[in-house]
Amino acid sequence: MTTTSAPTEAKSAAPPTRSILRDTAFLRLWAGTTASGLATWALPFVLGLAVLHRDLGAAGLGLVLAARTAGFLAAVAVGGVLADQHSRRAVVFWSALAAAAAAPLLAAGLGRSLVLMTAAAALAGAGQGACRPAFQALTAETVDPGRRRQANAATTIAVRSSTLTGPALTALLTAFLGIRALLLGIGLLWLIAALVPARGTAPAAPAAGTAERAGFRKDFAEGIREARRHPWFLAGLAGLAAVITLGYSATSVALPLISRDRYGTEWVLAAAMTAYTVGALLGALVIARLRPRSQGWAAFAGLAAYGVAPLSLMLPVHPVVVLAAYAVAGIGIELFNVPWFTATQREVAPEKLARVSSLDFLVSYGLAPVGLALIAPAIERFGVTPVLAVCTAACFLVPAAAALVPTARHFSRTAPAATD
């Protein structure tokens, strides 16, 4: 197998003593990344509130969210290519600005024009998709290798904490401000994401032959070739695909049904989702300091832990067991996410990092709608328990098989980094 030399800074640098939270450049990047994450979470929630207030129909909500997903998928690969060719900071600025511009259009179309809302949602999704890989690459430029794990964990902690308290706060604000004002608030978050981050200290190195570029397809193909040089990365994508397409989608469809039919209350649904977020927050806090010897194996074990969520829904257990299972699933997903992001930033060639990251987001965001579309009719055809059994097995077995891939043990083609 052909390989290229991986960046070596993380392997030789001494662990820095200065806290990442005292780094002004990172704090600006953290604020921008957090704002974009909150805006991404808030839009479907606020639109859901619009349905409750009868400003938007259920069919209209589905169309608007589908348009946002389509915009994201269309732009994420383009954003990855642009972020490797040009300034990552500039890509973040223009993509976040596009998402910000969509907010007043959504507010203007609410209750008046579904066509306008659909177009605005596609624009918002495109801005979101284009900035995701650029933010990942900008983190690698801004933060030295020894503190990237802390940086990635700090960003996750901020977003998870906000989404934990966000629903109640947003619902409260709706009573005083209204849906349109909240949509404009989402635009303000995107403006923060566009304006606050500083430039990276090390601009993206241009790929060889940039003077005679052959176009988007060739540039994106270079990112795919770079990803193929890292077997652990491909194994991680396979594990993510299984957990998202089968595990996450199955629990998203089955949990409301189980909550209603088995326990006779919506409380289990709300509490389980809260437990998942709390677990993810705890997982991020743990992994910010934890340094397992075999970080790849530990990360895949965390990813496989998501299987306890569909497993708990299969069995006639007390609701507390379901909540505990969702908390474990949340912990596990961050035990995977933070080392995964950190290893990608460390191991991938810097000038191709955004393109490789875009593959990650294509899987993470692209397969969820596919899984939802498949799981719902499968449950109607075969029943909840058989579908959950298959999905549980996939969540456990696919990450376990991925952990056996060469280089998966340390998320690295060489010896583990002392500073990561």
Protein backbone atom coordinates (compact mmCIF):
# COMPACT_ATOMS: atom_id res chain seq x y z
CA MET A 1 0.00 0.00 0.00
CA THR A 2 1.35 3.43 -0.91
CA THR A 3 1.83 5.82 1.97
CA THR A 4 2.91 9.37 2.48
CA SER A 5 4.74 10.76 5.42
CA ALA A 6 2.41 11.91 8.17
CA PRO A 7 2.94 15.14 10.07
CA THR A 8 5.49 14.55 12.81
CA GLU A 9 5.05 17.57 15.03
CA ALA A 10 2.63 15.80 17.36
CA LYS A 11 5.10 13.00 17.88
CA SER A 12 8.05 15.13 18.97
CA ALA A 13 6.59 18.19 20.67
CA ALA A 14 6.59 18.31 24.46
CA PRO A 15 3.22 18.62 26.13
CA PRO A 16 2.48 22.33 26.58
CA THR A 17 1.66 23.57 30.06
CA ARG A 18 -0.52 26.50 29.08
CA SER A 19 -4.25 25.76 29.21
CA ILE A 20 -6.09 25.83 25.90
CA LEU A 21 -8.67 28.09 27.57
CA ARG A 22 -6.03 30.82 27.92
CA ASP A 23 -5.29 30.88 24.21
CA THR A 24 -7.05 33.89 22.67
CA ALA A 25 -6.92 32.56 19.12
CA PHE A 26 -8.52 29.30 20.19
CA LEU A 27 -11.17 31.06 22.27
CA ARG A 28 -12.19 33.07 19.20
CA LEU A 29 -12.33 29.89 17.12
CA TRP A 30 -14.20 28.13 19.93
CA ALA A 31 -16.79 30.89 20.04
CA GLY A 32 -17.33 30.73 16.28
CA THR A 33 -17.51 26.94 16.17
CA THR A 34 -19.88 26.86 19.13
CA ALA A 35 -22.12 29.51 17.58
CA SER A 36 -22.33 27.54 14.33
CA GLY A 37 -23.11 24.34 16.24
CA LEU A 38 -25.89 26.04 18.18
CA ALA A 39 -27.34 27.54 15.01
CA THR A 40 -27.28 24.11 13.37
CA TRP A 41 -29.13 22.55 16.30
CA ALA A 42 -31.58 25.42 16.78
CA LEU A 43 -33.07 25.63 13.28
CA PRO A 44 -35.02 22.33 13.26
CA PHE A 45 -36.08 22.90 16.86
CA VAL A 46 -37.40 26.40 16.16
CA LEU A 47 -39.17 25.18 13.02
CA GLY A 48 -40.74 22.45 15.13
CA LEU A 49 -42.06 25.14 17.45
CA ALA A 50 -43.45 26.89 14.37
CA VAL A 51 -45.49 23.75 13.66
CA LEU A 52 -46.84 23.81 17.22
CA HIS A 53 -47.81 27.46 16.72
CA ARG A 54 -49.46 26.58 13.39
CA ASP A 55 -47.18 28.90 11.43
CA LEU A 56 -45.90 25.89 9.47
CA GLY A 57 -47.50 22.57 8.56
CA ALA A 58 -45.98 19.17 9.19
CA ALA A 59 -45.53 18.55 5.45
CA GLY A 60 -43.94 21.97 5.09
CA LEU A 61 -41.56 21.21 7.95
CA GLY A 62 -40.45 18.00 6.24
CA LEU A 63 -39.86 19.83 2.96
CA VAL A 64 -37.87 22.63 4.60
CA LEU A 65 -35.67 20.23 6.58
CA ALA A 66 -35.13 18.07 3.50
CA ALA A 67 -34.02 21.17 1.58
CA ARG A 68 -31.56 22.01 4.35
CA THR A 69 -30.10 18.50 4.24
CA ALA A 70 -29.83 18.65 0.44
CA GLY A 71 -28.05 22.00 0.66
CA PHE A 72 -25.64 20.59 3.23
CA LEU A 73 -24.76 17.52 1.20
CA ALA A 74 -24.30 19.58 -1.97
CA ALA A 75 -21.94 22.02 -0.27
CA VAL A 76 -19.88 19.98 2.18
CA ALA A 77 -17.61 18.43 -0.46
CA VAL A 78 -17.26 21.76 -2.27
CA GLY A 79 -16.40 23.43 1.03
CA GLY A 80 -13.71 20.83 1.69
CA VAL A 81 -12.07 21.48 -1.68
CA LEU A 82 -12.26 25.26 -1.30
CA ALA A 83 -10.83 25.14 2.23
CA ASP A 84 -7.80 23.23 0.96
CA GLN A 85 -7.27 25.58 -1.99
CA HIS A 86 -7.87 28.90 -0.24
CA SER A 87 -7.84 30.48 3.20
CA ARG A 88 -9.81 28.32 5.65
CA ARG A 89 -10.78 31.51 7.49
CA ALA A 90 -12.24 32.97 4.27
CA VAL A 91 -14.28 29.81 3.63
CA VAL A 92 -15.66 29.97 7.18
CA PHE A 93 -16.53 33.64 6.71
CA TRP A 94 -18.41 33.34 3.43
CA SER A 95 -20.19 30.07 4.23
CA ALA A 96 -21.34 31.29 7.66
CA LEU A 97 -22.40 34.58 6.08
CA ALA A 98 -24.54 32.64 3.59
CA ALA A 99 -26.20 30.76 6.44
CA ALA A 100 -26.77 34.05 8.26
CA ALA A 101 -28.41 35.55 5.17
CA ALA A 102 -30.85 32.63 5.07
CA ALA A 103 -32.29 33.47 8.50
CA PRO A 104 -34.23 36.65 7.55
CA LEU A 105 -35.48 34.87 4.43
CA LEU A 106 -36.84 32.06 6.59
CA ALA A 107 -38.49 34.61 8.87
CA ALA A 108 -39.99 36.45 5.90
CA GLY A 109 -41.39 33.24 4.38
CA LEU A 110 -42.81 31.84 7.63
CA GLY A 111 -46.57 31.60 7.23
CA ARG A 112 -46.41 33.35 3.87
CA SER A 113 -44.30 31.46 1.32
CA LEU A 114 -43.21 27.84 1.62
CA VAL A 115 -41.19 28.24 -1.58
CA LEU A 116 -39.15 31.04 -0.03
CA MET A 117 -38.61 29.04 3.16
CA THR A 118 -37.48 26.00 1.19
CA ALA A 119 -34.96 28.01 -0.82
CA ALA A 120 -33.71 29.73 2.34
CA ALA A 121 -33.33 26.38 4.12
CA ALA A 122 -31.25 25.06 1.22
CA LEU A 123 -29.03 28.16 1.51
CA ALA A 124 -28.69 27.65 5.26
CA GLY A 125 -27.76 24.02 4.75
CA ALA A 126 -25.19 24.96 2.10
CA GLY A 127 -23.55 27.46 4.44
CA GLN A 128 -23.51 24.90 7.23
CA GLY A 129 -22.04 22.21 4.99
CA ALA A 130 -19.32 24.41 3.51
CA CYS A 131 -18.07 25.64 6.88
CA ARG A 132 -17.85 22.25 8.63
CA PRO A 133 -14.63 20.94 7.01
CA ALA A 134 -13.15 24.45 7.04
CA PHE A 135 -13.67 24.69 10.81
CA GLN A 136 -11.97 21.31 11.29
CA ALA A 137 -8.96 22.37 9.25
CA LEU A 138 -8.85 25.79 10.93
CA THR A 139 -8.62 24.04 14.32
CA ALA A 140 -5.49 22.24 13.13
CA GLU A 141 -4.02 25.58 12.03
CA THR A 142 -4.90 27.44 15.22
CA VAL A 143 -4.11 24.86 17.92
CA ASP A 144 -0.75 23.14 18.39
CA PRO A 145 -0.85 19.32 18.15
CA GLY A 146 -0.44 18.69 21.87
CA ARG A 147 -3.64 20.55 22.78
CA ARG A 148 -5.99 19.57 19.97
CA ARG A 149 -7.70 16.88 22.01
CA GLN A 150 -8.51 19.48 24.66
CA ALA A 151 -9.65 21.90 21.97
CA ASN A 152 -11.99 19.39 20.33
CA ALA A 153 -13.35 18.35 23.73
CA ALA A 154 -13.91 21.98 24.76
CA THR A 155 -15.95 22.63 21.62
CA THR A 156 -18.03 19.50 22.18
CA ILE A 157 -18.63 20.41 25.82
CA ALA A 158 -19.86 23.88 24.86
CA VAL A 159 -22.29 22.59 22.23
CA ARG A 160 -23.58 19.71 24.38
CA SER A 161 -24.10 22.01 27.38
CA SER A 162 -26.01 24.50 25.27
CA THR A 163 -28.22 21.88 23.65
CA LEU A 164 -28.98 20.49 27.10
CA THR A 165 -30.43 23.80 28.28
CA GLY A 166 -31.42 25.14 24.86
CA PRO A 167 -34.87 23.56 24.41
CA ALA A 168 -36.30 24.98 27.64
CA LEU A 169 -34.72 28.39 27.06
CA THR A 170 -35.86 28.52 23.44
CA ALA A 171 -39.41 27.54 24.34
CA LEU A 172 -39.43 30.28 26.99
CA LEU A 173 -38.12 32.90 24.57
CA THR A 174 -40.80 31.94 22.07
CA ALA A 175 -43.47 33.20 24.44
CA PHE A 176 -41.88 36.65 24.56
CA LEU A 177 -40.18 37.08 21.19
CA GLY A 178 -42.02 34.87 18.69
CA ILE A 179 -40.78 32.43 16.08
CA ARG A 180 -39.56 35.05 13.60
CA ALA A 181 -37.37 36.68 16.22
CA LEU A 182 -35.84 33.31 17.06
CA LEU A 183 -35.07 32.70 13.39
CA LEU A 184 -33.32 36.07 13.28
CA GLY A 185 -31.43 35.01 16.42
CA ILE A 186 -30.14 31.97 14.51
CA GLY A 187 -28.87 34.36 11.87
CA LEU A 188 -27.05 36.30 14.60
CA LEU A 189 -25.34 33.09 15.71
CA TRP A 190 -24.14 32.55 12.16
CA LEU A 191 -22.82 36.13 12.07
CA ILE A 192 -20.80 35.35 15.20
CA ALA A 193 -19.46 32.23 13.47
CA ALA A 194 -18.48 34.34 10.46
CA LEU A 195 -16.87 37.28 12.23
CA VAL A 196 -15.31 36.10 15.49
CA PRO A 197 -12.70 33.43 14.56
CA ALA A 198 -9.16 34.63 13.91
CA ARG A 199 -6.95 33.54 11.04
CA GLY A 200 -4.98 30.34 11.48
CA THR A 201 -1.29 30.68 12.21
CA ALA A 202 -0.32 28.32 9.40
CA PRO A 203 -2.19 28.85 6.12
CA ALA A 204 -3.09 25.81 4.07
CA ALA A 205 -0.22 24.62 1.94
CA PRO A 206 -1.19 24.52 -1.72
CA ALA A 207 -1.24 21.10 -3.29
CA ALA A 208 1.22 20.32 -6.02
CA GLY A 209 0.12 21.53 -9.40
CA THR A 210 -2.25 24.22 -8.22
CA ALA A 211 -1.26 26.38 -11.16
CA GLU A 212 -3.04 24.00 -13.49
CA ARG A 213 -6.00 22.71 -11.53
CA ALA A 214 -8.14 20.13 -13.26
CA GLY A 215 -11.31 21.09 -11.44
CA PHE A 216 -13.40 20.05 -8.50
CA ARG A 217 -13.62 16.34 -9.31
CA LYS A 218 -9.86 15.87 -9.43
CA ASP A 219 -9.32 17.91 -6.28
CA PHE A 220 -11.94 15.95 -4.36
CA ALA A 221 -10.51 12.68 -5.68
CA GLU A 222 -7.16 13.70 -4.18
CA GLY A 223 -8.89 13.92 -0.82
CA ILE A 224 -10.34 10.44 -1.30
CA ARG A 225 -6.89 9.09 -2.15
CA GLU A 226 -5.49 10.69 0.99
CA ALA A 227 -8.25 9.06 3.06
CA ARG A 228 -7.44 5.67 1.53
CA ARG A 229 -3.86 6.00 2.78
CA HIS A 230 -5.21 5.82 6.33
CA PRO A 231 -6.91 2.43 6.90
CA TRP A 232 -8.00 3.49 10.39
CA PHE A 233 -9.93 6.41 8.85
CA LEU A 234 -11.80 4.17 6.42
CA ALA A 235 -12.53 1.76 9.27
CA GLY A 236 -13.91 4.63 11.32
CA LEU A 237 -16.17 5.68 8.47
CA ALA A 238 -17.49 2.13 8.24
CA GLY A 239 -18.22 2.08 11.97
CA LEU A 240 -19.91 5.48 11.78
CA ALA A 241 -21.99 4.36 8.81
CA ALA A 242 -23.31 1.35 10.72
CA VAL A 243 -24.08 3.25 13.91
CA ILE A 244 -25.70 6.22 12.16
CA THR A 245 -27.61 4.39 9.43
CA LEU A 246 -28.86 1.57 11.63
CA GLY A 247 -28.37 2.40 15.30
CA TYR A 248 -29.19 6.11 15.39
CA SER A 249 -31.98 5.82 12.85
CA ALA A 250 -33.54 2.83 14.62
CA THR A 251 -33.58 4.53 17.99
CA SER A 252 -34.94 7.77 16.48
CA VAL A 253 -37.94 5.87 15.08
CA ALA A 254 -38.40 3.27 17.82
CA LEU A 255 -37.97 5.42 20.95
CA PRO A 256 -41.18 7.45 20.45
CA LEU A 257 -43.09 4.23 19.75
CA ILE A 258 -41.68 2.43 22.78
CA SER A 259 -42.26 5.45 25.00
CA ARG A 260 -45.91 5.60 23.93
CA ASP A 261 -46.83 1.92 23.62
CA ARG A 262 -44.76 0.25 26.36
CA TYR A 263 -44.53 2.96 29.00
CA GLY A 264 -47.63 4.97 28.11
CA THR A 265 -45.95 8.36 28.48
CA GLU A 266 -43.89 10.85 26.52
CA TRP A 267 -41.68 11.32 29.57
CA VAL A 268 -39.40 8.43 28.62
CA LEU A 269 -38.78 9.96 25.19
CA ALA A 270 -37.76 13.34 26.60
CA ALA A 271 -35.76 11.87 29.48
CA ALA A 272 -33.85 9.45 27.26
CA MET A 273 -32.75 12.22 24.89
CA THR A 274 -31.70 14.33 27.88
CA ALA A 275 -29.75 11.38 29.31
CA TYR A 276 -27.98 10.96 25.98
CA THR A 277 -26.90 14.61 25.96
CA VAL A 278 -25.75 14.46 29.59
CA GLY A 279 -23.80 11.30 28.79
CA ALA A 280 -22.16 12.97 25.81
CA LEU A 281 -21.18 15.92 27.98
CA LEU A 282 -19.63 13.59 30.56
CA GLY A 283 -17.84 11.66 27.81
CA ALA A 284 -16.29 14.86 26.46
CA LEU A 285 -15.13 15.86 29.95
CA VAL A 286 -13.51 12.46 30.46
CA ILE A 287 -11.80 12.22 27.08
CA ALA A 288 -10.36 15.73 27.43
CA ARG A 289 -7.97 14.28 30.01
CA LEU A 290 -7.99 10.54 29.34
CA ARG A 291 -5.04 9.17 27.35
CA PRO A 292 -5.66 5.46 26.65
CA ARG A 293 -2.66 3.51 25.40
CA SER A 294 -4.65 2.15 22.47
CA GLN A 295 -6.74 5.20 21.64
CA GLY A 296 -8.24 3.71 18.48
CA TRP A 297 -9.47 0.58 20.20
CA ALA A 298 -10.87 2.65 23.05
CA ALA A 299 -12.63 4.93 20.55
CA PHE A 300 -14.19 2.01 18.67
CA ALA A 301 -15.35 0.54 22.00
CA GLY A 302 -17.06 3.87 22.70
CA LEU A 303 -18.70 3.84 19.28
CA ALA A 304 -19.93 0.27 19.81
CA ALA A 305 -21.44 1.35 23.14
CA TYR A 306 -24.22 3.04 21.18
CA GLY A 307 -25.63 -0.47 20.72
CA VAL A 308 -26.90 -0.50 24.30
CA ALA A 309 -29.53 2.09 23.32
CA PRO A 310 -31.41 -0.09 20.79
CA LEU A 311 -30.76 -3.11 23.02
CA SER A 312 -32.58 -1.44 25.93
CA LEU A 313 -35.57 -0.74 23.69
CA MET A 314 -35.80 -4.42 22.75
CA LEU A 315 -36.24 -5.61 26.32
CA PRO A 316 -39.18 -5.10 28.74
CA VAL A 317 -37.04 -3.22 31.25
CA HIS A 318 -37.76 -0.45 33.73
CA PRO A 319 -37.57 3.04 32.17
CA VAL A 320 -34.52 3.82 34.33
CA VAL A 321 -32.61 1.13 32.41
CA VAL A 322 -33.47 2.84 29.15
CA LEU A 323 -32.23 6.17 30.50
CA ALA A 324 -29.01 4.57 31.71
CA ALA A 325 -28.50 2.94 28.31
CA TYR A 326 -28.89 6.29 26.54
CA ALA A 327 -26.44 7.90 28.95
CA VAL A 328 -23.90 5.16 28.18
CA ALA A 329 -24.50 5.67 24.45
CA GLY A 330 -23.85 9.40 24.85
CA ILE A 331 -20.63 8.81 26.78
CA GLY A 332 -19.45 6.35 24.17
CA ILE A 333 -20.12 8.59 21.18
CA GLU A 334 -17.84 11.31 22.56
CA LEU A 335 -15.18 8.78 23.55
CA PHE A 336 -15.09 8.14 19.81
CA ASN A 337 -15.66 11.63 18.40
CA VAL A 338 -12.93 13.58 20.17
CA PRO A 339 -10.02 11.16 19.45
CA TRP A 340 -11.39 10.72 15.91
CA PHE A 341 -11.31 14.44 15.15
CA THR A 342 -7.93 14.81 16.84
CA ALA A 343 -6.36 11.92 14.94
CA THR A 344 -7.69 13.24 11.63
CA GLN A 345 -6.15 16.64 12.33
CA ARG A 346 -2.85 14.98 13.26
CA GLU A 347 -2.46 12.26 10.66
CA VAL A 348 -3.91 13.68 7.45
CA ALA A 349 -1.70 15.78 5.20
CA PRO A 350 -2.47 19.42 6.18
CA GLU A 351 -3.17 20.55 2.60
CA LYS A 352 -5.82 17.81 2.25
CA LEU A 353 -7.34 17.92 5.72
CA ALA A 354 -10.53 19.78 4.79
CA ARG A 355 -11.31 17.40 1.93
CA VAL A 356 -10.82 14.34 4.12
CA SER A 357 -12.94 15.93 6.86
CA SER A 358 -15.69 16.53 4.33
CA LEU A 359 -15.92 12.75 3.80
CA ASP A 360 -16.55 12.37 7.52
CA PHE A 361 -19.39 14.90 7.43
CA LEU A 362 -20.87 13.37 4.29
CA VAL A 363 -21.21 10.09 6.18
CA SER A 364 -22.31 11.68 9.47
CA TYR A 365 -25.02 13.87 7.97
CA GLY A 366 -25.79 12.08 4.72
CA LEU A 367 -26.62 8.60 5.99
CA ALA A 368 -29.00 9.62 8.78
CA PRO A 369 -31.87 10.52 6.38
CA VAL A 370 -31.23 7.32 4.43
CA GLY A 371 -31.43 5.27 7.59
CA LEU A 372 -34.63 6.99 8.70
CA ALA A 373 -36.20 6.33 5.31
CA LEU A 374 -35.33 2.61 5.54
CA ILE A 375 -35.97 1.90 9.22
CA ALA A 376 -39.55 3.18 9.39
CA PRO A 377 -40.94 0.86 6.67
CA ALA A 378 -38.80 -2.00 8.02
CA ILE A 379 -40.46 -1.63 11.43
CA GLU A 380 -43.89 -1.63 9.81
CA ARG A 381 -43.01 -4.76 7.83
CA PHE A 382 -41.11 -6.87 10.39
CA GLY A 383 -41.94 -5.28 13.74
CA VAL A 384 -39.90 -3.24 16.20
CA THR A 385 -38.04 -6.03 18.00
CA PRO A 386 -36.50 -7.81 14.95
CA VAL A 387 -35.35 -4.50 13.45
CA LEU A 388 -33.85 -3.39 16.76
CA ALA A 389 -32.08 -6.75 17.08
CA VAL A 390 -30.41 -6.35 13.68
CA CYS A 391 -29.44 -2.76 14.42
CA THR A 392 -28.06 -3.66 17.85
CA ALA A 393 -25.91 -6.40 16.34
CA ALA A 394 -24.60 -3.99 13.69
CA CYS A 395 -23.70 -1.39 16.33
CA PHE A 396 -21.68 -3.94 18.27
CA LEU A 397 -20.11 -5.95 15.45
CA VAL A 398 -19.13 -3.37 12.82
CA PRO A 399 -17.02 -1.19 15.17
CA ALA A 400 -15.48 -4.38 16.58
CA ALA A 401 -14.52 -5.49 13.08
CA ALA A 402 -13.24 -1.97 12.29
CA ALA A 403 -10.95 -2.16 15.32
CA LEU A 404 -9.17 -5.12 13.71
CA VAL A 405 -8.09 -3.09 10.68
CA PRO A 406 -4.34 -2.36 10.54
CA THR A 407 -3.47 1.03 12.12
CA ALA A 408 -6.86 1.16 13.90
CA ARG A 409 -5.37 0.43 17.33
CA HIS A 410 -3.73 3.85 17.65
CA PHE A 411 -5.54 5.84 14.93
CA SER A 412 -2.12 6.23 13.40
CA ARG A 413 0.12 4.55 10.83
CA THR A 414 3.07 4.84 13.23
CA ALA A 415 3.67 4.65 16.98
CA PRO A 416 1.16 6.52 19.13
CA ALA A 417 1.88 10.19 19.76
CA ALA A 418 2.97 11.04 23.26
CA THR A 419 1.24 14.40 23.22
CA ASP A 420 -2.12 13.35 21.84
